[in-house]
């Protein structure tokens, strides 16, 4: 399978899902939907994602789950949380990094960043079986 179209699509899907995570988070805490507020919430994770996307080689292997998608997920969370702490975001009762936020962030971004890739691979494999195309030709490398 030609991976070039997936390079851009994977990047767009990841960014949309990270912004969606920020929108959901802001909404669940009753924060107003404002572009600057959304940017403030999302940019630490977008920065983490950008670092992860380049360093993991995800741009060349966009649908590879292990190790690529897992590295993108872990670095997105780690760098995003580090930036939030460094910039004083999300302090609750003097705690700069509430464990509940770490757990929710890790789970949600894991489902978002790894989960969609797993679903895409399943769909591509099913489509390849249906059309009779060789599996290796219709699905990206592992």
N, C-alpha and C. Protein backbone atom coordinates (compact mmCIF):
# COMPACT_ATOMS: atom_id res chain seq x y z
N UNK A 1 0.84 -1.19 0.00
CA UNK A 1 0.00 0.00 0.00
C UNK A 1 0.88 1.24 0.00
N UNK A 2 0.50 2.19 -0.78
CA UNK A 2 1.19 3.47 -0.81
C UNK A 2 0.89 4.20 0.50
N UNK A 3 1.94 4.56 1.26
CA UNK A 3 1.70 5.21 2.55
C UNK A 3 1.63 6.72 2.43
N UNK A 4 2.05 7.29 1.31
CA UNK A 4 2.08 8.76 1.20
C UNK A 4 0.74 9.42 1.55
N UNK A 5 -0.41 8.98 1.00
CA UNK A 5 -1.67 9.63 1.39
C UNK A 5 -1.95 9.52 2.89
N UNK A 6 -1.53 8.44 3.50
CA UNK A 6 -1.77 8.26 4.93
C UNK A 6 -0.92 9.20 5.76
N UNK A 7 0.24 9.64 5.24
CA UNK A 7 1.10 10.54 6.01
C UNK A 7 0.34 11.78 6.44
N UNK A 8 -0.27 12.45 5.49
CA UNK A 8 -1.01 13.67 5.79
C UNK A 8 -2.30 13.37 6.53
N UNK A 9 -2.99 12.32 6.12
CA UNK A 9 -4.25 11.99 6.78
C UNK A 9 -4.02 11.65 8.24
N UNK A 10 -2.99 10.88 8.53
CA UNK A 10 -2.70 10.51 9.91
C UNK A 10 -2.40 11.75 10.75
N UNK A 11 -1.64 12.67 10.19
CA UNK A 11 -1.32 13.90 10.92
C UNK A 11 -2.58 14.71 11.20
N UNK A 12 -3.43 14.83 10.20
CA UNK A 12 -4.68 15.59 10.38
C UNK A 12 -5.57 14.92 11.42
N UNK A 13 -5.73 13.60 11.32
CA UNK A 13 -6.57 12.88 12.29
C UNK A 13 -6.02 13.07 13.70
N UNK A 14 -4.71 12.92 13.88
CA UNK A 14 -4.11 13.10 15.21
C UNK A 14 -4.39 14.50 15.76
N UNK A 15 -4.16 15.53 14.94
CA UNK A 15 -4.36 16.91 15.41
C UNK A 15 -5.83 17.15 15.76
N UNK A 16 -6.72 16.67 14.92
CA UNK A 16 -8.16 16.83 15.20
C UNK A 16 -8.52 16.14 16.51
N UNK A 17 -8.00 14.96 16.74
CA UNK A 17 -8.31 14.23 17.97
C UNK A 17 -7.72 14.90 19.20
N UNK A 18 -6.53 15.48 19.09
CA UNK A 18 -5.94 16.20 20.22
C UNK A 18 -6.76 17.45 20.53
N UNK A 19 -7.18 18.16 19.51
CA UNK A 19 -8.03 19.34 19.73
C UNK A 19 -9.38 18.91 20.32
N UNK A 20 -9.91 17.79 19.85
CA UNK A 20 -11.15 17.25 20.40
C UNK A 20 -10.98 16.93 21.88
N UNK A 21 -9.86 16.35 22.24
CA UNK A 21 -9.54 16.08 23.65
C UNK A 21 -9.59 17.37 24.46
N UNK A 22 -9.00 18.44 23.93
CA UNK A 22 -9.01 19.73 24.63
C UNK A 22 -10.42 20.30 24.74
N UNK A 23 -11.20 20.17 23.68
CA UNK A 23 -12.59 20.67 23.70
C UNK A 23 -13.40 19.91 24.76
N UNK A 24 -13.27 18.60 24.76
CA UNK A 24 -13.99 17.78 25.74
C UNK A 24 -13.57 18.15 27.16
N UNK A 25 -12.27 18.29 27.37
CA UNK A 25 -11.76 18.64 28.69
C UNK A 25 -12.27 19.98 29.17
N UNK A 26 -12.21 20.97 28.29
CA UNK A 26 -12.69 22.30 28.67
C UNK A 26 -14.19 22.26 28.96
N UNK A 27 -14.93 21.54 28.14
CA UNK A 27 -16.37 21.43 28.35
C UNK A 27 -16.72 20.72 29.64
N UNK A 28 -15.97 19.68 29.97
CA UNK A 28 -16.28 18.92 31.18
C UNK A 28 -15.97 19.71 32.45
N UNK A 29 -15.15 20.76 32.32
CA UNK A 29 -14.84 21.61 33.46
C UNK A 29 -15.59 22.94 33.41
N UNK A 30 -16.56 23.03 32.51
CA UNK A 30 -17.39 24.22 32.43
C UNK A 30 -16.67 25.45 31.92
N UNK A 31 -15.55 25.25 31.24
CA UNK A 31 -14.82 26.38 30.70
C UNK A 31 -15.44 26.79 29.37
N UNK A 32 -15.53 28.09 29.12
CA UNK A 32 -16.17 28.54 27.88
C UNK A 32 -15.36 28.14 26.65
N UNK A 33 -16.08 27.98 25.54
CA UNK A 33 -15.40 27.69 24.29
C UNK A 33 -14.93 29.01 23.71
N UNK A 34 -13.64 29.24 23.81
CA UNK A 34 -13.02 30.44 23.27
C UNK A 34 -11.75 30.00 22.57
N UNK A 35 -11.48 30.54 21.39
CA UNK A 35 -10.29 30.10 20.64
C UNK A 35 -8.99 30.18 21.44
N UNK A 36 -8.77 31.26 22.17
CA UNK A 36 -7.53 31.39 22.94
C UNK A 36 -7.47 30.36 24.06
N UNK A 37 -8.59 30.15 24.73
CA UNK A 37 -8.63 29.15 25.78
C UNK A 37 -8.40 27.75 25.24
N UNK A 38 -8.99 27.47 24.09
CA UNK A 38 -8.79 26.16 23.46
C UNK A 38 -7.33 25.99 23.07
N UNK A 39 -6.73 27.02 22.50
CA UNK A 39 -5.32 26.95 22.13
C UNK A 39 -4.45 26.71 23.36
N UNK A 40 -4.75 27.42 24.45
CA UNK A 40 -3.96 27.27 25.68
C UNK A 40 -4.03 25.84 26.21
N UNK A 41 -5.19 25.23 26.10
CA UNK A 41 -5.36 23.85 26.56
C UNK A 41 -4.71 22.85 25.62
N UNK A 42 -4.82 23.08 24.32
CA UNK A 42 -4.37 22.09 23.34
C UNK A 42 -2.89 22.17 23.01
N UNK A 43 -2.30 23.39 23.03
CA UNK A 43 -0.94 23.51 22.49
C UNK A 43 0.11 22.66 23.20
N UNK A 44 0.05 22.42 24.51
CA UNK A 44 1.08 21.56 25.09
C UNK A 44 1.08 20.15 24.48
N UNK A 45 -0.10 19.64 24.23
CA UNK A 45 -0.21 18.29 23.66
C UNK A 45 0.09 18.29 22.17
N UNK A 46 -0.26 19.38 21.49
CA UNK A 46 0.10 19.49 20.07
C UNK A 46 1.61 19.59 19.91
N UNK A 47 2.27 20.30 20.82
CA UNK A 47 3.74 20.39 20.79
C UNK A 47 4.35 19.02 21.05
N UNK A 48 3.82 18.32 22.04
CA UNK A 48 4.30 16.97 22.32
C UNK A 48 4.09 16.05 21.14
N UNK A 49 2.92 16.16 20.51
CA UNK A 49 2.63 15.34 19.33
C UNK A 49 3.60 15.65 18.20
N UNK A 50 3.88 16.93 17.95
CA UNK A 50 4.77 17.31 16.85
C UNK A 50 6.17 16.72 17.07
N UNK A 51 6.65 16.81 18.28
CA UNK A 51 7.96 16.22 18.61
C UNK A 51 7.91 14.71 18.40
N UNK A 52 6.86 14.09 18.89
CA UNK A 52 6.71 12.64 18.77
C UNK A 52 6.57 12.19 17.32
N UNK A 53 5.80 12.93 16.55
CA UNK A 53 5.53 12.54 15.16
C UNK A 53 6.83 12.53 14.36
N UNK A 54 7.68 13.52 14.60
CA UNK A 54 8.94 13.59 13.86
C UNK A 54 9.95 12.58 14.39
N UNK A 55 10.12 12.51 15.70
CA UNK A 55 11.16 11.64 16.26
C UNK A 55 10.83 10.15 16.14
N UNK A 56 9.56 9.81 16.09
CA UNK A 56 9.18 8.40 15.98
C UNK A 56 9.18 7.91 14.54
N UNK A 57 9.26 8.84 13.61
CA UNK A 57 9.17 8.46 12.20
C UNK A 57 7.75 8.16 11.77
N UNK A 58 6.78 8.64 12.55
CA UNK A 58 5.37 8.37 12.23
C UNK A 58 4.99 8.91 10.86
N UNK A 59 5.64 9.96 10.42
CA UNK A 59 5.37 10.53 9.11
C UNK A 59 5.67 9.54 8.00
N UNK A 60 6.57 8.59 8.24
CA UNK A 60 6.89 7.60 7.21
C UNK A 60 6.19 6.26 7.45
N UNK A 61 5.65 6.06 8.64
CA UNK A 61 4.94 4.82 8.99
C UNK A 61 3.67 5.18 9.75
N UNK A 62 2.75 5.89 9.12
CA UNK A 62 1.63 6.49 9.84
C UNK A 62 0.67 5.52 10.51
N UNK A 63 0.56 4.29 10.02
CA UNK A 63 -0.40 3.36 10.62
C UNK A 63 0.24 2.25 11.43
N UNK A 64 1.53 2.32 11.63
CA UNK A 64 2.23 1.31 12.41
C UNK A 64 1.91 1.51 13.89
N UNK A 65 1.41 0.45 14.51
CA UNK A 65 1.00 0.56 15.91
C UNK A 65 2.20 0.49 16.86
N UNK A 66 3.00 -0.55 16.69
CA UNK A 66 4.15 -0.72 17.57
C UNK A 66 5.41 -0.65 16.75
N UNK A 67 6.34 0.16 17.12
CA UNK A 67 6.34 1.07 18.25
C UNK A 67 5.82 2.48 17.91
N UNK A 68 5.58 2.76 16.63
CA UNK A 68 5.32 4.14 16.21
C UNK A 68 4.17 4.81 16.94
N UNK A 69 2.96 4.26 16.84
CA UNK A 69 1.80 4.91 17.45
C UNK A 69 1.93 4.98 18.97
N UNK A 70 2.53 3.97 19.56
CA UNK A 70 2.70 3.96 21.01
C UNK A 70 3.69 5.06 21.42
N UNK A 71 4.76 5.24 20.66
CA UNK A 71 5.72 6.31 20.95
C UNK A 71 5.05 7.68 20.79
N UNK A 72 4.25 7.84 19.74
CA UNK A 72 3.54 9.11 19.54
C UNK A 72 2.63 9.38 20.74
N UNK A 73 1.91 8.38 21.18
CA UNK A 73 1.00 8.54 22.33
C UNK A 73 1.77 8.91 23.60
N UNK A 74 2.79 8.14 23.93
CA UNK A 74 3.52 8.35 25.19
C UNK A 74 4.22 9.72 25.18
N UNK A 75 4.87 10.07 24.09
CA UNK A 75 5.55 11.37 24.05
C UNK A 75 4.56 12.53 24.04
N UNK A 76 3.43 12.36 23.38
CA UNK A 76 2.41 13.41 23.38
C UNK A 76 1.96 13.68 24.82
N UNK A 77 1.69 12.63 25.55
CA UNK A 77 1.25 12.78 26.95
C UNK A 77 2.38 13.36 27.80
N UNK A 78 3.56 12.78 27.72
CA UNK A 78 4.67 13.20 28.57
C UNK A 78 5.05 14.66 28.33
N UNK A 79 5.28 15.02 27.08
CA UNK A 79 5.68 16.40 26.76
C UNK A 79 4.53 17.36 27.07
N UNK A 80 3.31 16.97 26.72
CA UNK A 80 2.15 17.82 27.00
C UNK A 80 2.00 18.11 28.48
N UNK A 81 2.14 17.09 29.30
CA UNK A 81 2.03 17.29 30.75
C UNK A 81 3.20 18.12 31.28
N UNK A 82 4.38 17.90 30.75
CA UNK A 82 5.56 18.67 31.18
C UNK A 82 5.37 20.16 30.85
N UNK A 83 4.86 20.45 29.67
CA UNK A 83 4.62 21.85 29.30
C UNK A 83 3.55 22.46 30.18
N UNK A 84 2.50 21.71 30.46
CA UNK A 84 1.44 22.23 31.33
C UNK A 84 2.00 22.57 32.72
N UNK A 85 2.83 21.70 33.26
CA UNK A 85 3.42 21.98 34.58
C UNK A 85 4.34 23.19 34.49
N UNK A 86 5.17 23.25 33.45
CA UNK A 86 6.13 24.36 33.30
C UNK A 86 5.44 25.71 33.13
N UNK A 87 4.24 25.70 32.54
CA UNK A 87 3.52 26.95 32.31
C UNK A 87 2.46 27.24 33.37
N UNK A 88 2.36 26.38 34.36
CA UNK A 88 1.42 26.61 35.45
C UNK A 88 -0.03 26.33 35.12
N UNK A 89 -0.27 25.54 34.10
CA UNK A 89 -1.65 25.21 33.72
C UNK A 89 -2.18 24.07 34.58
N UNK A 90 -3.45 24.13 34.88
CA UNK A 90 -4.14 23.00 35.51
C UNK A 90 -3.84 22.78 36.97
N UNK A 91 -3.35 23.77 37.67
CA UNK A 91 -3.07 23.61 39.10
C UNK A 91 -4.39 23.49 39.85
N UNK A 92 -4.52 22.42 40.64
CA UNK A 92 -5.72 22.19 41.43
C UNK A 92 -5.31 22.08 42.90
N UNK A 93 -5.81 22.98 43.72
CA UNK A 93 -5.50 22.99 45.16
C UNK A 93 -3.99 22.91 45.41
N UNK A 94 -3.22 23.67 44.63
CA UNK A 94 -1.78 23.70 44.80
C UNK A 94 -1.03 22.55 44.13
N UNK A 95 -1.75 21.59 43.60
CA UNK A 95 -1.13 20.44 42.93
C UNK A 95 -0.99 20.75 41.44
N UNK A 96 0.26 20.85 40.94
CA UNK A 96 0.45 21.21 39.54
C UNK A 96 0.13 20.07 38.56
N UNK A 97 -0.01 18.86 39.08
CA UNK A 97 -0.27 17.72 38.20
C UNK A 97 -1.16 16.69 38.90
N UNK A 98 -2.46 16.99 38.97
CA UNK A 98 -3.36 16.05 39.64
C UNK A 98 -3.33 14.67 38.96
N UNK A 99 -3.24 13.64 39.76
CA UNK A 99 -3.13 12.27 39.23
C UNK A 99 -4.34 11.91 38.38
N UNK A 100 -5.50 12.42 38.74
CA UNK A 100 -6.70 12.11 37.95
C UNK A 100 -6.55 12.66 36.53
N UNK A 101 -5.95 13.83 36.39
CA UNK A 101 -5.73 14.40 35.06
C UNK A 101 -4.73 13.57 34.27
N UNK A 102 -3.68 13.11 34.94
CA UNK A 102 -2.68 12.27 34.28
C UNK A 102 -3.32 10.98 33.77
N UNK A 103 -4.14 10.36 34.59
CA UNK A 103 -4.79 9.10 34.21
C UNK A 103 -5.76 9.32 33.05
N UNK A 104 -6.62 10.31 33.16
CA UNK A 104 -7.59 10.58 32.09
C UNK A 104 -6.88 10.95 30.79
N UNK A 105 -5.87 11.81 30.88
CA UNK A 105 -5.12 12.22 29.69
C UNK A 105 -4.47 11.02 29.02
N UNK A 106 -3.83 10.18 29.80
CA UNK A 106 -3.14 9.01 29.26
C UNK A 106 -4.12 8.06 28.59
N UNK A 107 -5.24 7.80 29.22
CA UNK A 107 -6.22 6.88 28.65
C UNK A 107 -6.87 7.46 27.39
N UNK A 108 -7.36 8.68 27.48
CA UNK A 108 -8.07 9.27 26.34
C UNK A 108 -7.15 9.44 25.14
N UNK A 109 -5.96 10.00 25.35
CA UNK A 109 -5.06 10.16 24.22
C UNK A 109 -4.57 8.82 23.69
N UNK A 110 -4.47 7.81 24.54
CA UNK A 110 -4.12 6.47 24.07
C UNK A 110 -5.20 5.91 23.16
N UNK A 111 -6.44 6.02 23.60
CA UNK A 111 -7.55 5.55 22.77
C UNK A 111 -7.60 6.34 21.46
N UNK A 112 -7.41 7.65 21.55
CA UNK A 112 -7.47 8.49 20.35
C UNK A 112 -6.31 8.21 19.40
N UNK A 113 -5.08 8.26 19.88
CA UNK A 113 -3.91 8.20 19.00
C UNK A 113 -3.53 6.79 18.55
N UNK A 114 -3.79 5.81 19.38
CA UNK A 114 -3.49 4.43 18.98
C UNK A 114 -4.76 3.77 18.43
N UNK A 115 -5.89 4.06 19.06
CA UNK A 115 -7.14 3.39 18.68
C UNK A 115 -7.56 3.60 17.25
N UNK A 116 -7.48 4.82 16.74
CA UNK A 116 -7.93 5.04 15.37
C UNK A 116 -7.04 4.30 14.38
N UNK A 117 -5.76 4.17 14.70
CA UNK A 117 -4.86 3.44 13.81
C UNK A 117 -5.21 1.95 13.78
N UNK A 118 -5.53 1.41 14.95
CA UNK A 118 -5.95 0.00 14.99
C UNK A 118 -7.22 -0.21 14.18
N UNK A 119 -8.18 0.69 14.32
CA UNK A 119 -9.42 0.59 13.54
C UNK A 119 -9.15 0.72 12.05
N UNK A 120 -8.29 1.63 11.66
CA UNK A 120 -7.96 1.81 10.24
C UNK A 120 -7.33 0.56 9.68
N UNK A 121 -6.44 -0.06 10.43
CA UNK A 121 -5.79 -1.29 9.96
C UNK A 121 -6.82 -2.42 9.81
N UNK A 122 -7.74 -2.52 10.76
CA UNK A 122 -8.78 -3.55 10.65
C UNK A 122 -9.64 -3.34 9.41
N UNK A 123 -10.02 -2.11 9.16
CA UNK A 123 -10.83 -1.79 7.98
C UNK A 123 -10.07 -2.10 6.71
N UNK A 124 -8.80 -1.72 6.66
CA UNK A 124 -8.00 -1.98 5.46
C UNK A 124 -7.82 -3.47 5.22
N UNK A 125 -7.61 -4.22 6.28
CA UNK A 125 -7.47 -5.68 6.14
C UNK A 125 -8.78 -6.31 5.66
N UNK A 126 -9.89 -5.88 6.24
CA UNK A 126 -11.20 -6.42 5.83
C UNK A 126 -11.47 -6.08 4.38
N UNK A 127 -11.15 -4.87 3.98
CA UNK A 127 -11.36 -4.47 2.59
C UNK A 127 -10.47 -5.27 1.65
N UNK A 128 -9.25 -5.54 2.07
CA UNK A 128 -8.33 -6.33 1.24
C UNK A 128 -8.85 -7.75 1.08
N UNK A 129 -9.39 -8.32 2.15
CA UNK A 129 -9.96 -9.68 2.06
C UNK A 129 -11.16 -9.71 1.14
N UNK A 130 -11.99 -8.67 1.24
CA UNK A 130 -13.20 -8.60 0.42
C UNK A 130 -12.87 -8.47 -1.07
N UNK A 131 -11.85 -7.69 -1.38
CA UNK A 131 -11.49 -7.46 -2.78
C UNK A 131 -10.53 -8.49 -3.31
N UNK A 132 -10.00 -9.32 -2.42
CA UNK A 132 -9.08 -10.36 -2.85
C UNK A 132 -7.66 -9.87 -3.06
N UNK A 133 -7.38 -8.66 -2.64
CA UNK A 133 -6.02 -8.13 -2.77
C UNK A 133 -5.12 -8.80 -1.74
N UNK A 134 -3.86 -8.97 -2.08
CA UNK A 134 -2.94 -9.53 -1.09
C UNK A 134 -2.88 -8.63 0.13
N UNK A 135 -2.83 -9.23 1.30
CA UNK A 135 -2.85 -8.46 2.55
C UNK A 135 -1.74 -7.44 2.60
N UNK A 136 -0.54 -7.81 2.23
CA UNK A 136 0.59 -6.89 2.28
C UNK A 136 0.42 -5.70 1.35
N UNK A 137 -0.33 -5.87 0.28
CA UNK A 137 -0.50 -4.78 -0.68
C UNK A 137 -1.55 -3.79 -0.22
N UNK A 138 -2.48 -4.24 0.61
CA UNK A 138 -3.59 -3.37 0.99
C UNK A 138 -3.45 -2.79 2.38
N UNK A 139 -2.51 -3.29 3.15
CA UNK A 139 -2.37 -2.78 4.49
C UNK A 139 -0.95 -2.28 4.72
N UNK A 140 -0.79 -1.29 5.56
CA UNK A 140 0.54 -0.78 5.84
C UNK A 140 1.34 -1.74 6.69
N UNK A 141 2.63 -1.53 6.75
CA UNK A 141 3.48 -2.40 7.55
C UNK A 141 3.12 -2.29 9.01
N UNK A 142 3.50 -3.29 9.76
CA UNK A 142 3.22 -3.32 11.20
C UNK A 142 4.13 -2.37 11.83
